[in-house]
N, C-alpha and C. Protein backbone atom coordinates (compact mmCIF):
# COMPACT_ATOMS: atom_id res chain seq x y z
N MET A 1 0.59 102.36 236.72
CA MET A 1 0.52 102.02 235.35
C MET A 1 1.39 102.88 234.48
N THR A 2 1.74 103.85 235.02
CA THR A 2 2.62 104.71 234.27
C THR A 2 3.96 104.06 234.03
N SER A 3 4.37 103.21 234.96
CA SER A 3 5.66 102.55 234.78
C SER A 3 5.60 101.54 233.65
N ARG A 4 4.48 100.92 233.48
CA ARG A 4 4.36 99.93 232.41
C ARG A 4 4.37 100.62 231.04
N SER A 5 3.75 101.72 230.89
CA SER A 5 3.75 102.42 229.61
C SER A 5 5.14 102.95 229.30
N ASN A 6 5.90 103.29 230.32
CA ASN A 6 7.28 103.72 230.08
C ASN A 6 8.15 102.57 229.65
N ASN A 7 7.90 101.39 230.24
CA ASN A 7 8.69 100.21 229.89
C ASN A 7 8.46 99.80 228.43
N SER A 8 7.24 99.95 228.00
CA SER A 8 6.96 99.56 226.62
C SER A 8 7.66 100.51 225.66
N ARG A 9 7.89 101.70 226.10
CA ARG A 9 8.59 102.63 225.23
C ARG A 9 10.08 102.35 225.24
N ARG A 10 10.59 101.88 226.35
CA ARG A 10 12.02 101.61 226.46
C ARG A 10 12.40 100.28 225.81
N GLY A 11 11.57 99.39 225.66
CA GLY A 11 11.85 98.04 225.15
C GLY A 11 12.19 98.07 223.67
N ALA A 12 11.84 97.00 223.03
CA ALA A 12 12.14 96.86 221.59
C ALA A 12 11.43 97.96 220.83
N SER A 13 12.18 98.54 219.97
CA SER A 13 11.58 99.62 219.19
C SER A 13 10.96 99.04 217.94
N LYS A 14 9.93 99.65 217.54
CA LYS A 14 9.25 99.22 216.32
C LYS A 14 9.89 99.98 215.16
N SER A 15 10.30 99.23 214.20
CA SER A 15 10.92 99.91 213.05
C SER A 15 9.89 100.06 211.96
N LYS A 16 10.00 101.15 211.30
CA LYS A 16 9.07 101.44 210.21
C LYS A 16 9.83 101.21 208.89
N THR A 17 10.21 99.98 208.65
CA THR A 17 10.95 99.68 207.43
C THR A 17 10.01 99.13 206.38
N THR A 18 10.40 99.43 205.13
CA THR A 18 9.63 98.91 204.00
C THR A 18 10.55 98.00 203.20
N GLY A 19 10.11 97.45 202.11
CA GLY A 19 10.90 96.55 201.26
C GLY A 19 12.03 97.28 200.54
N LYS A 20 11.94 98.56 200.36
CA LYS A 20 12.95 99.32 199.63
C LYS A 20 14.25 99.46 200.41
N SER A 21 14.22 99.46 201.71
CA SER A 21 15.44 99.72 202.47
C SER A 21 16.36 98.51 202.50
N ALA A 22 15.94 97.34 202.06
CA ALA A 22 16.79 96.16 202.05
C ALA A 22 17.90 96.30 201.00
N GLY A 23 17.67 96.91 199.82
CA GLY A 23 18.69 97.10 198.77
C GLY A 23 19.01 98.57 198.60
N VAL A 24 20.03 98.88 197.76
CA VAL A 24 20.39 100.27 197.51
C VAL A 24 19.45 100.82 196.46
N SER A 25 18.90 101.92 196.74
CA SER A 25 17.93 102.50 195.83
C SER A 25 18.51 103.76 195.24
N LEU A 26 18.42 103.89 193.89
CA LEU A 26 18.87 105.11 193.21
C LEU A 26 17.64 105.88 192.77
N PRO A 27 17.75 107.15 192.77
CA PRO A 27 16.61 107.93 192.29
C PRO A 27 16.46 107.76 190.78
N ASN A 28 15.32 108.07 190.30
CA ASN A 28 15.02 107.89 188.87
C ASN A 28 15.91 108.74 187.98
N TRP A 29 16.27 109.92 188.39
CA TRP A 29 17.12 110.78 187.57
C TRP A 29 18.51 110.17 187.39
N ALA A 30 19.03 109.39 188.37
CA ALA A 30 20.34 108.75 188.24
C ALA A 30 20.29 107.66 187.17
N TRP A 31 19.18 106.90 187.12
CA TRP A 31 19.03 105.88 186.08
C TRP A 31 18.96 106.52 184.70
N LEU A 32 18.28 107.65 184.59
CA LEU A 32 18.19 108.36 183.33
C LEU A 32 19.56 108.84 182.88
N LEU A 33 20.34 109.39 183.79
CA LEU A 33 21.68 109.88 183.48
C LEU A 33 22.61 108.72 183.06
N ALA A 34 22.54 107.59 183.75
CA ALA A 34 23.36 106.43 183.40
C ALA A 34 23.00 105.92 182.01
N GLY A 35 21.73 105.90 181.66
CA GLY A 35 21.29 105.46 180.33
C GLY A 35 21.81 106.39 179.24
N LEU A 36 21.80 107.70 179.51
CA LEU A 36 22.32 108.67 178.53
C LEU A 36 23.82 108.48 178.32
N VAL A 37 24.57 108.28 179.39
CA VAL A 37 26.02 108.10 179.29
C VAL A 37 26.34 106.84 178.50
N ILE A 38 25.62 105.76 178.75
CA ILE A 38 25.85 104.51 178.03
C ILE A 38 25.49 104.68 176.55
N GLY A 39 24.43 105.39 176.25
CA GLY A 39 24.03 105.64 174.86
C GLY A 39 25.04 106.47 174.10
N VAL A 40 25.58 107.51 174.74
CA VAL A 40 26.59 108.35 174.09
C VAL A 40 27.86 107.54 173.84
N PHE A 41 28.25 106.69 174.78
CA PHE A 41 29.44 105.87 174.63
C PHE A 41 29.26 104.87 173.48
N ALA A 42 28.09 104.27 173.37
CA ALA A 42 27.81 103.33 172.28
C ALA A 42 27.84 104.04 170.93
N ALA A 43 27.30 105.26 170.86
CA ALA A 43 27.34 106.03 169.62
C ALA A 43 28.78 106.39 169.25
N PHE A 44 29.60 106.70 170.24
CA PHE A 44 31.01 107.01 170.01
C PHE A 44 31.73 105.79 169.43
N LEU A 45 31.49 104.61 169.99
CA LEU A 45 32.12 103.39 169.48
C LEU A 45 31.67 103.07 168.06
N ALA A 46 30.39 103.30 167.77
CA ALA A 46 29.88 103.05 166.42
C ALA A 46 30.51 104.03 165.43
N GLY A 47 30.82 105.20 165.84
CA GLY A 47 31.46 106.19 164.96
C GLY A 47 32.91 105.86 164.67
N LEU A 48 33.56 105.04 165.50
CA LEU A 48 34.95 104.67 165.28
C LEU A 48 35.13 103.67 164.15
N THR A 49 34.15 102.83 163.89
CA THR A 49 34.29 101.82 162.84
C THR A 49 34.09 102.49 161.49
N PRO A 50 35.05 102.30 160.55
CA PRO A 50 34.93 102.97 159.25
C PRO A 50 33.95 102.25 158.36
N SER A 51 33.31 103.01 157.52
CA SER A 51 32.40 102.42 156.54
C SER A 51 33.18 102.18 155.25
N ALA A 52 32.59 101.46 154.32
CA ALA A 52 33.27 101.17 153.06
C ALA A 52 33.55 102.45 152.29
N LYS A 53 32.67 103.40 152.38
CA LYS A 53 32.87 104.66 151.67
C LYS A 53 34.07 105.41 152.24
N ASP A 54 34.24 105.40 153.54
CA ASP A 54 35.37 106.08 154.17
C ASP A 54 36.69 105.45 153.74
N VAL A 55 36.74 104.13 153.64
CA VAL A 55 37.97 103.44 153.26
C VAL A 55 38.35 103.80 151.83
N ARG A 56 37.36 103.85 150.93
CA ARG A 56 37.66 104.20 149.54
C ARG A 56 38.19 105.62 149.42
N THR A 57 37.59 106.56 150.11
CA THR A 57 38.04 107.94 150.00
C THR A 57 39.44 108.11 150.57
N VAL A 58 39.74 107.40 151.66
CA VAL A 58 41.09 107.48 152.23
C VAL A 58 42.11 106.87 151.26
N ALA A 59 41.75 105.75 150.62
CA ALA A 59 42.66 105.11 149.67
C ALA A 59 42.92 106.03 148.48
N GLU A 60 41.88 106.72 148.00
CA GLU A 60 42.07 107.65 146.88
C GLU A 60 42.95 108.82 147.28
N GLN A 61 42.79 109.30 148.49
CA GLN A 61 43.62 110.40 148.96
C GLN A 61 45.07 109.98 149.07
N VAL A 62 45.31 108.76 149.52
CA VAL A 62 46.69 108.27 149.64
C VAL A 62 47.32 108.14 148.26
N LYS A 63 46.55 107.60 147.29
CA LYS A 63 47.08 107.46 145.93
C LYS A 63 47.42 108.82 145.33
N SER A 64 46.52 109.78 145.50
CA SER A 64 46.76 111.09 144.91
C SER A 64 47.92 111.80 145.59
N SER A 65 48.05 111.65 146.88
CA SER A 65 49.15 112.32 147.57
C SER A 65 50.48 111.65 147.28
N SER A 66 50.50 110.31 147.09
CA SER A 66 51.76 109.64 146.79
C SER A 66 52.22 109.99 145.38
N GLY A 67 51.31 110.24 144.47
CA GLY A 67 51.68 110.66 143.13
C GLY A 67 52.33 112.03 143.14
N ASP A 68 51.86 112.93 144.00
CA ASP A 68 52.45 114.25 144.11
C ASP A 68 53.82 114.19 144.75
N ASP A 69 53.99 113.29 145.74
CA ASP A 69 55.28 113.19 146.43
C ASP A 69 56.36 112.65 145.51
N LYS A 70 56.00 111.74 144.59
CA LYS A 70 56.99 111.18 143.69
C LYS A 70 57.56 112.25 142.78
N LYS A 71 56.73 113.22 142.43
CA LYS A 71 57.20 114.27 141.53
C LYS A 71 58.17 115.19 142.24
N THR A 72 57.97 115.43 143.53
CA THR A 72 58.82 116.37 144.23
C THR A 72 60.04 115.72 144.86
N ASP A 73 59.93 114.44 145.27
CA ASP A 73 61.06 113.77 145.91
C ASP A 73 62.10 113.38 144.87
N HIS A 74 63.33 113.31 145.32
CA HIS A 74 64.40 112.86 144.45
C HIS A 74 64.39 111.35 144.39
N GLN A 75 64.44 110.82 143.20
CA GLN A 75 64.44 109.38 143.01
C GLN A 75 65.83 108.83 143.35
N PRO A 76 65.90 107.62 143.90
CA PRO A 76 67.21 107.04 144.20
C PRO A 76 67.97 106.73 142.92
N VAL A 77 69.26 106.80 143.00
CA VAL A 77 70.11 106.56 141.84
C VAL A 77 70.68 105.15 141.97
N PHE A 78 70.47 104.35 140.95
CA PHE A 78 70.98 102.99 140.94
C PHE A 78 72.15 102.91 139.96
N ASP A 79 73.31 102.61 140.48
CA ASP A 79 74.51 102.56 139.65
C ASP A 79 74.62 101.28 138.84
N PHE A 80 73.94 100.22 139.27
CA PHE A 80 74.13 98.95 138.57
C PHE A 80 73.60 98.98 137.15
N TYR A 81 72.73 99.94 136.82
CA TYR A 81 72.27 100.05 135.44
C TYR A 81 73.42 100.46 134.52
N THR A 82 74.33 101.23 135.03
CA THR A 82 75.46 101.64 134.21
C THR A 82 76.66 100.73 134.40
N LEU A 83 76.83 100.13 135.58
CA LEU A 83 77.99 99.29 135.84
C LEU A 83 77.90 97.94 135.15
N LEU A 84 76.73 97.31 135.19
CA LEU A 84 76.59 95.97 134.62
C LEU A 84 76.82 95.94 133.11
N PRO A 85 76.24 96.84 132.34
CA PRO A 85 76.51 96.76 130.90
C PRO A 85 77.98 96.96 130.55
N GLU A 86 78.72 97.68 131.37
CA GLU A 86 80.13 97.91 131.09
C GLU A 86 80.97 96.65 131.34
N SER A 87 80.57 95.82 132.30
CA SER A 87 81.41 94.70 132.67
C SER A 87 80.93 93.35 132.12
N GLU A 88 79.71 93.24 131.65
CA GLU A 88 79.18 91.96 131.20
C GLU A 88 78.46 92.12 129.87
N VAL A 89 78.52 91.05 129.09
CA VAL A 89 77.84 91.03 127.81
C VAL A 89 77.00 89.77 127.75
N THR A 90 75.71 89.91 127.47
CA THR A 90 74.85 88.74 127.33
C THR A 90 74.83 88.31 125.88
N VAL A 91 74.71 87.00 125.66
CA VAL A 91 74.76 86.44 124.33
C VAL A 91 73.51 85.61 124.12
N SER A 92 73.00 85.61 122.90
CA SER A 92 71.83 84.79 122.61
C SER A 92 72.23 83.32 122.60
N ILE A 93 71.26 82.43 122.71
CA ILE A 93 71.51 81.00 122.80
C ILE A 93 71.81 80.40 121.42
N ALA A 94 71.47 81.08 120.33
CA ALA A 94 71.64 80.55 118.99
C ALA A 94 73.11 80.22 118.72
N GLU A 95 73.34 79.20 117.91
CA GLU A 95 74.69 78.77 117.55
C GLU A 95 75.36 79.86 116.72
N PRO A 96 76.61 80.24 117.03
CA PRO A 96 77.30 81.23 116.20
C PRO A 96 77.51 80.74 114.77
N ALA A 97 77.77 79.44 114.59
CA ALA A 97 77.98 78.91 113.24
C ALA A 97 76.70 78.98 112.42
N ALA A 98 75.55 78.73 113.08
CA ALA A 98 74.28 78.79 112.37
C ALA A 98 73.97 80.21 111.93
N VAL A 99 74.32 81.19 112.74
CA VAL A 99 74.11 82.59 112.39
C VAL A 99 75.00 82.97 111.22
N ALA A 100 76.26 82.50 111.22
CA ALA A 100 77.18 82.81 110.13
C ALA A 100 76.72 82.16 108.82
N THR A 101 76.16 80.96 108.91
CA THR A 101 75.67 80.28 107.71
C THR A 101 74.48 81.01 107.12
N LYS A 102 73.60 81.50 107.97
CA LYS A 102 72.44 82.24 107.48
C LYS A 102 72.86 83.52 106.77
N THR A 103 73.84 84.22 107.32
CA THR A 103 74.27 85.46 106.67
C THR A 103 74.97 85.17 105.36
N GLN A 104 75.71 84.06 105.28
CA GLN A 104 76.38 83.72 104.03
C GLN A 104 75.38 83.30 102.96
N SER A 105 74.35 82.54 103.37
CA SER A 105 73.38 82.05 102.38
C SER A 105 72.47 83.18 101.90
N SER A 106 72.21 84.19 102.74
CA SER A 106 71.35 85.28 102.31
C SER A 106 72.08 86.26 101.41
N LYS A 107 73.42 86.30 101.48
CA LYS A 107 74.20 87.22 100.66
C LYS A 107 75.31 86.41 99.95
N PRO A 108 74.99 85.72 98.87
CA PRO A 108 75.98 84.85 98.23
C PRO A 108 77.10 85.60 97.53
N ASP A 109 76.89 86.82 97.10
CA ASP A 109 77.91 87.55 96.36
C ASP A 109 78.92 88.24 97.27
N GLN A 110 78.68 88.28 98.59
CA GLN A 110 79.60 88.94 99.51
C GLN A 110 80.57 87.93 100.10
N LYS A 111 81.68 88.43 100.61
CA LYS A 111 82.68 87.58 101.25
C LYS A 111 82.18 87.15 102.63
N PRO A 112 82.65 86.04 103.18
CA PRO A 112 82.25 85.62 104.51
C PRO A 112 82.66 86.66 105.55
N ALA A 113 81.88 86.73 106.60
CA ALA A 113 82.13 87.71 107.65
C ALA A 113 83.42 87.39 108.39
N ALA A 114 84.01 88.38 109.00
CA ALA A 114 85.28 88.21 109.71
C ALA A 114 85.08 87.39 110.98
N THR A 115 83.86 87.37 111.53
CA THR A 115 83.61 86.62 112.76
C THR A 115 83.69 85.12 112.52
N ALA A 116 83.38 84.67 111.31
CA ALA A 116 83.45 83.24 111.02
C ALA A 116 84.89 82.76 110.98
N THR A 117 85.83 83.62 110.60
CA THR A 117 87.24 83.22 110.51
C THR A 117 87.99 83.49 111.80
N SER A 118 87.42 84.28 112.70
CA SER A 118 88.12 84.59 113.94
C SER A 118 88.09 83.38 114.87
N LYS A 119 88.88 83.43 115.93
CA LYS A 119 88.98 82.31 116.86
C LYS A 119 87.65 82.12 117.60
N PRO A 120 87.35 80.91 118.04
CA PRO A 120 86.07 80.68 118.72
C PRO A 120 86.01 81.46 120.03
N LYS A 121 84.82 81.92 120.33
CA LYS A 121 84.64 82.73 121.54
C LYS A 121 84.39 81.82 122.73
N LYS A 122 84.76 82.32 123.89
CA LYS A 122 84.58 81.55 125.12
C LYS A 122 83.45 82.19 125.92
N TYR A 123 82.70 81.33 126.63
CA TYR A 123 81.55 81.78 127.38
C TYR A 123 81.66 81.36 128.83
N LEU A 124 81.04 82.15 129.69
CA LEU A 124 80.91 81.84 131.11
C LEU A 124 79.43 81.74 131.44
N LEU A 125 79.12 80.92 132.42
CA LEU A 125 77.78 80.88 132.98
C LEU A 125 77.86 81.41 134.40
N GLN A 126 77.10 82.45 134.69
CA GLN A 126 77.05 82.97 136.06
C GLN A 126 75.81 82.40 136.73
N ALA A 127 76.04 81.63 137.79
CA ALA A 127 74.93 80.98 138.48
C ALA A 127 74.36 81.85 139.58
N GLY A 128 75.11 82.81 140.07
CA GLY A 128 74.61 83.69 141.11
C GLY A 128 75.62 84.75 141.47
N SER A 129 75.12 85.80 142.11
CA SER A 129 75.96 86.88 142.59
C SER A 129 75.44 87.28 143.97
N PHE A 130 76.33 87.24 144.97
CA PHE A 130 75.91 87.44 146.35
C PHE A 130 76.79 88.47 147.03
N ARG A 131 76.23 89.17 147.99
CA ARG A 131 77.03 90.07 148.84
C ARG A 131 77.77 89.27 149.89
N SER A 132 77.17 88.18 150.33
CA SER A 132 77.75 87.36 151.38
C SER A 132 78.61 86.25 150.76
N ALA A 133 79.83 86.09 151.26
CA ALA A 133 80.71 85.03 150.78
C ALA A 133 80.16 83.66 151.18
N LYS A 134 79.47 83.58 152.32
CA LYS A 134 78.90 82.31 152.75
C LYS A 134 77.85 81.81 151.77
N ASP A 135 76.99 82.72 151.28
CA ASP A 135 75.97 82.33 150.31
C ASP A 135 76.60 81.84 149.01
N ALA A 136 77.66 82.52 148.57
CA ALA A 136 78.35 82.11 147.35
C ALA A 136 78.99 80.74 147.53
N GLU A 137 79.60 80.49 148.67
CA GLU A 137 80.22 79.19 148.93
C GLU A 137 79.17 78.09 149.04
N ARG A 138 78.00 78.41 149.57
CA ARG A 138 76.92 77.43 149.67
C ARG A 138 76.47 76.99 148.27
N LEU A 139 76.31 77.95 147.36
CA LEU A 139 75.91 77.62 145.99
C LEU A 139 77.04 76.86 145.28
N ARG A 140 78.28 77.24 145.52
CA ARG A 140 79.43 76.55 144.92
C ARG A 140 79.45 75.09 145.36
N ALA A 141 79.21 74.83 146.65
CA ALA A 141 79.20 73.45 147.14
C ALA A 141 78.05 72.66 146.51
N GLN A 142 76.91 73.29 146.35
CA GLN A 142 75.76 72.62 145.72
C GLN A 142 76.09 72.24 144.28
N LEU A 143 76.77 73.12 143.56
CA LEU A 143 77.12 72.83 142.17
C LEU A 143 78.23 71.79 142.07
N LEU A 144 79.13 71.77 143.04
CA LEU A 144 80.16 70.73 143.07
C LEU A 144 79.54 69.35 143.23
N LEU A 145 78.49 69.26 144.05
CA LEU A 145 77.80 67.99 144.23
C LEU A 145 77.09 67.54 142.95
N GLU A 146 76.78 68.47 142.07
CA GLU A 146 76.13 68.14 140.81
C GLU A 146 77.13 67.79 139.71
N GLY A 147 78.43 67.81 140.02
CA GLY A 147 79.45 67.43 139.05
C GLY A 147 79.99 68.58 138.23
N LEU A 148 79.70 69.80 138.60
CA LEU A 148 80.21 70.96 137.87
C LEU A 148 81.46 71.50 138.57
N ALA A 149 82.16 72.37 137.89
CA ALA A 149 83.38 72.95 138.47
C ALA A 149 83.22 74.46 138.59
N PRO A 150 82.47 74.93 139.58
CA PRO A 150 82.26 76.38 139.73
C PRO A 150 83.43 77.04 140.45
N ARG A 151 83.52 78.34 140.29
CA ARG A 151 84.50 79.12 141.05
C ARG A 151 83.81 80.38 141.54
N VAL A 152 84.31 80.93 142.63
CA VAL A 152 83.76 82.15 143.20
C VAL A 152 84.73 83.28 142.89
N GLU A 153 84.22 84.31 142.24
CA GLU A 153 85.04 85.47 141.89
C GLU A 153 84.59 86.65 142.73
N LYS A 154 85.55 87.26 143.41
CA LYS A 154 85.27 88.42 144.26
C LYS A 154 85.44 89.68 143.41
N VAL A 155 84.37 90.49 143.34
CA VAL A 155 84.38 91.68 142.48
C VAL A 155 83.99 92.89 143.30
N SER A 156 84.74 93.98 143.14
CA SER A 156 84.39 95.25 143.77
C SER A 156 83.73 96.13 142.73
N VAL A 157 82.55 96.64 143.07
CA VAL A 157 81.83 97.51 142.16
C VAL A 157 81.86 98.93 142.71
N GLY A 158 81.31 99.87 141.96
CA GLY A 158 81.29 101.26 142.39
C GLY A 158 80.67 101.44 143.75
N GLY A 159 81.19 102.34 144.52
CA GLY A 159 80.68 102.58 145.86
C GLY A 159 81.36 101.72 146.91
N GLY A 160 82.36 100.93 146.52
CA GLY A 160 83.10 100.13 147.48
C GLY A 160 82.41 98.84 147.89
N GLU A 161 81.35 98.44 147.18
CA GLU A 161 80.65 97.20 147.52
C GLU A 161 81.40 96.02 146.94
N THR A 162 81.39 94.91 147.67
CA THR A 162 82.03 93.68 147.21
C THR A 162 80.96 92.63 146.96
N TRP A 163 81.01 92.03 145.77
CA TRP A 163 80.08 90.98 145.39
C TRP A 163 80.87 89.71 145.12
N HIS A 164 80.24 88.58 145.37
CA HIS A 164 80.86 87.27 145.15
C HIS A 164 80.05 86.57 144.07
N ARG A 165 80.66 86.38 142.91
CA ARG A 165 79.98 85.78 141.77
C ARG A 165 80.36 84.31 141.65
N VAL A 166 79.36 83.47 141.50
CA VAL A 166 79.58 82.04 141.28
C VAL A 166 79.48 81.80 139.78
N GLN A 167 80.62 81.40 139.18
CA GLN A 167 80.67 81.25 137.73
C GLN A 167 81.15 79.87 137.34
N LEU A 168 80.70 79.43 136.17
CA LEU A 168 81.12 78.16 135.58
C LEU A 168 81.79 78.47 134.25
N GLY A 169 82.84 77.74 133.93
CA GLY A 169 83.48 77.93 132.64
C GLY A 169 84.91 78.38 132.78
N PRO A 170 85.49 78.79 131.75
CA PRO A 170 84.97 79.15 130.43
C PRO A 170 84.68 77.91 129.57
N PHE A 171 83.67 78.05 128.73
CA PHE A 171 83.25 77.00 127.81
C PHE A 171 83.64 77.42 126.40
N ALA A 172 84.33 76.53 125.70
CA ALA A 172 84.72 76.82 124.32
C ALA A 172 83.72 76.23 123.33
N ASP A 173 83.04 75.15 123.71
CA ASP A 173 82.08 74.53 122.81
C ASP A 173 80.66 74.60 123.39
N ARG A 174 79.69 74.53 122.49
CA ARG A 174 78.30 74.67 122.88
C ARG A 174 77.75 73.46 123.62
N VAL A 175 78.30 72.30 123.36
CA VAL A 175 77.77 71.07 123.96
C VAL A 175 77.99 71.10 125.47
N SER A 176 79.19 71.42 125.91
CA SER A 176 79.46 71.48 127.35
C SER A 176 78.70 72.64 128.00
N LEU A 177 78.54 73.73 127.28
CA LEU A 177 77.79 74.87 127.80
C LEU A 177 76.33 74.50 128.02
N GLN A 178 75.73 73.83 127.04
CA GLN A 178 74.32 73.45 127.16
C GLN A 178 74.11 72.38 128.22
N SER A 179 75.05 71.48 128.40
CA SER A 179 74.90 70.47 129.45
C SER A 179 74.98 71.13 130.83
N ALA A 180 75.84 72.12 130.99
CA ALA A 180 75.91 72.85 132.26
C ALA A 180 74.63 73.64 132.51
N GLN A 181 74.05 74.21 131.44
CA GLN A 181 72.79 74.94 131.58
C GLN A 181 71.66 74.00 131.98
N LYS A 182 71.66 72.77 131.47
CA LYS A 182 70.62 71.80 131.83
C LYS A 182 70.73 71.41 133.30
N VAL A 183 71.97 71.24 133.79
CA VAL A 183 72.16 70.90 135.20
C VAL A 183 71.66 72.05 136.09
N LEU A 184 71.98 73.27 135.72
CA LEU A 184 71.52 74.43 136.49
C LEU A 184 69.99 74.53 136.45
N ALA A 185 69.40 74.27 135.29
CA ALA A 185 67.94 74.34 135.18
C ALA A 185 67.27 73.26 136.01
N SER A 186 67.89 72.08 136.10
CA SER A 186 67.32 71.01 136.92
C SER A 186 67.35 71.36 138.40
N GLN A 187 68.26 72.23 138.80
CA GLN A 187 68.35 72.67 140.20
C GLN A 187 67.57 73.97 140.44
N ASN A 188 66.82 74.43 139.42
CA ASN A 188 66.04 75.68 139.49
C ASN A 188 66.94 76.89 139.75
N ILE A 189 68.08 76.91 139.09
CA ILE A 189 69.01 78.03 139.20
C ILE A 189 69.03 78.74 137.86
N ASP A 190 68.67 80.01 137.87
CA ASP A 190 68.73 80.82 136.65
C ASP A 190 70.18 81.21 136.42
N SER A 191 70.62 81.06 135.18
CA SER A 191 72.01 81.39 134.86
C SER A 191 72.06 82.53 133.87
N LEU A 192 73.17 83.20 133.87
CA LEU A 192 73.41 84.31 132.97
C LEU A 192 74.58 83.94 132.07
N LEU A 193 74.36 83.98 130.77
CA LEU A 193 75.39 83.63 129.80
C LEU A 193 76.23 84.86 129.50
N LEU A 194 77.54 84.74 129.71
CA LEU A 194 78.45 85.87 129.50
C LEU A 194 79.49 85.49 128.45
N GLN A 195 79.84 86.43 127.62
CA GLN A 195 80.88 86.18 126.60
C GLN A 195 82.17 86.85 127.07
N LEU A 196 83.24 86.09 127.05
CA LEU A 196 84.53 86.64 127.45
C LEU A 196 85.05 87.52 126.31
N LYS A 197 85.65 88.62 126.68
CA LYS A 197 86.19 89.54 125.68
C LYS A 197 87.59 89.15 125.28
């Protein structure tokens, strides 16, 4: 009988397994540590989103610092403020004859002004000024299609820059000048009235 008891020991072994060994089991302290790490990460992400108060304070700081920088930085110099008044003269839309009549009627004892006896002045309409010759030619072609006679004038200004001005005229009478202004206005083109010297 001893052989039979030995055989039972050699045969299939009895395993002492429970339900826990089927899956991976972590100790309780590992779950606690994982929960803490996830909580800290969530708090970190919540701290990254700015609140309305933070945005206002940052905006105020930027405004105050930009005001200080403007005082210390050198402002850019724009030459066109001095160049344009030297080369162009703007004229009011009022009729020159109407202005002369008003001055004569308000001062009857004085002689008529010299401007009333001088030769009539000529005017130009500037429809645009471009750095690119292609842009100037495009506007010129558009105005040609509208029945006007524009020309492109190449002008060099201070600093060696070249500008291409699209101009209409010269106009000696107000009727042709106003009709050209109406055509430009119908095309949504702002014009600049210039008096020839």
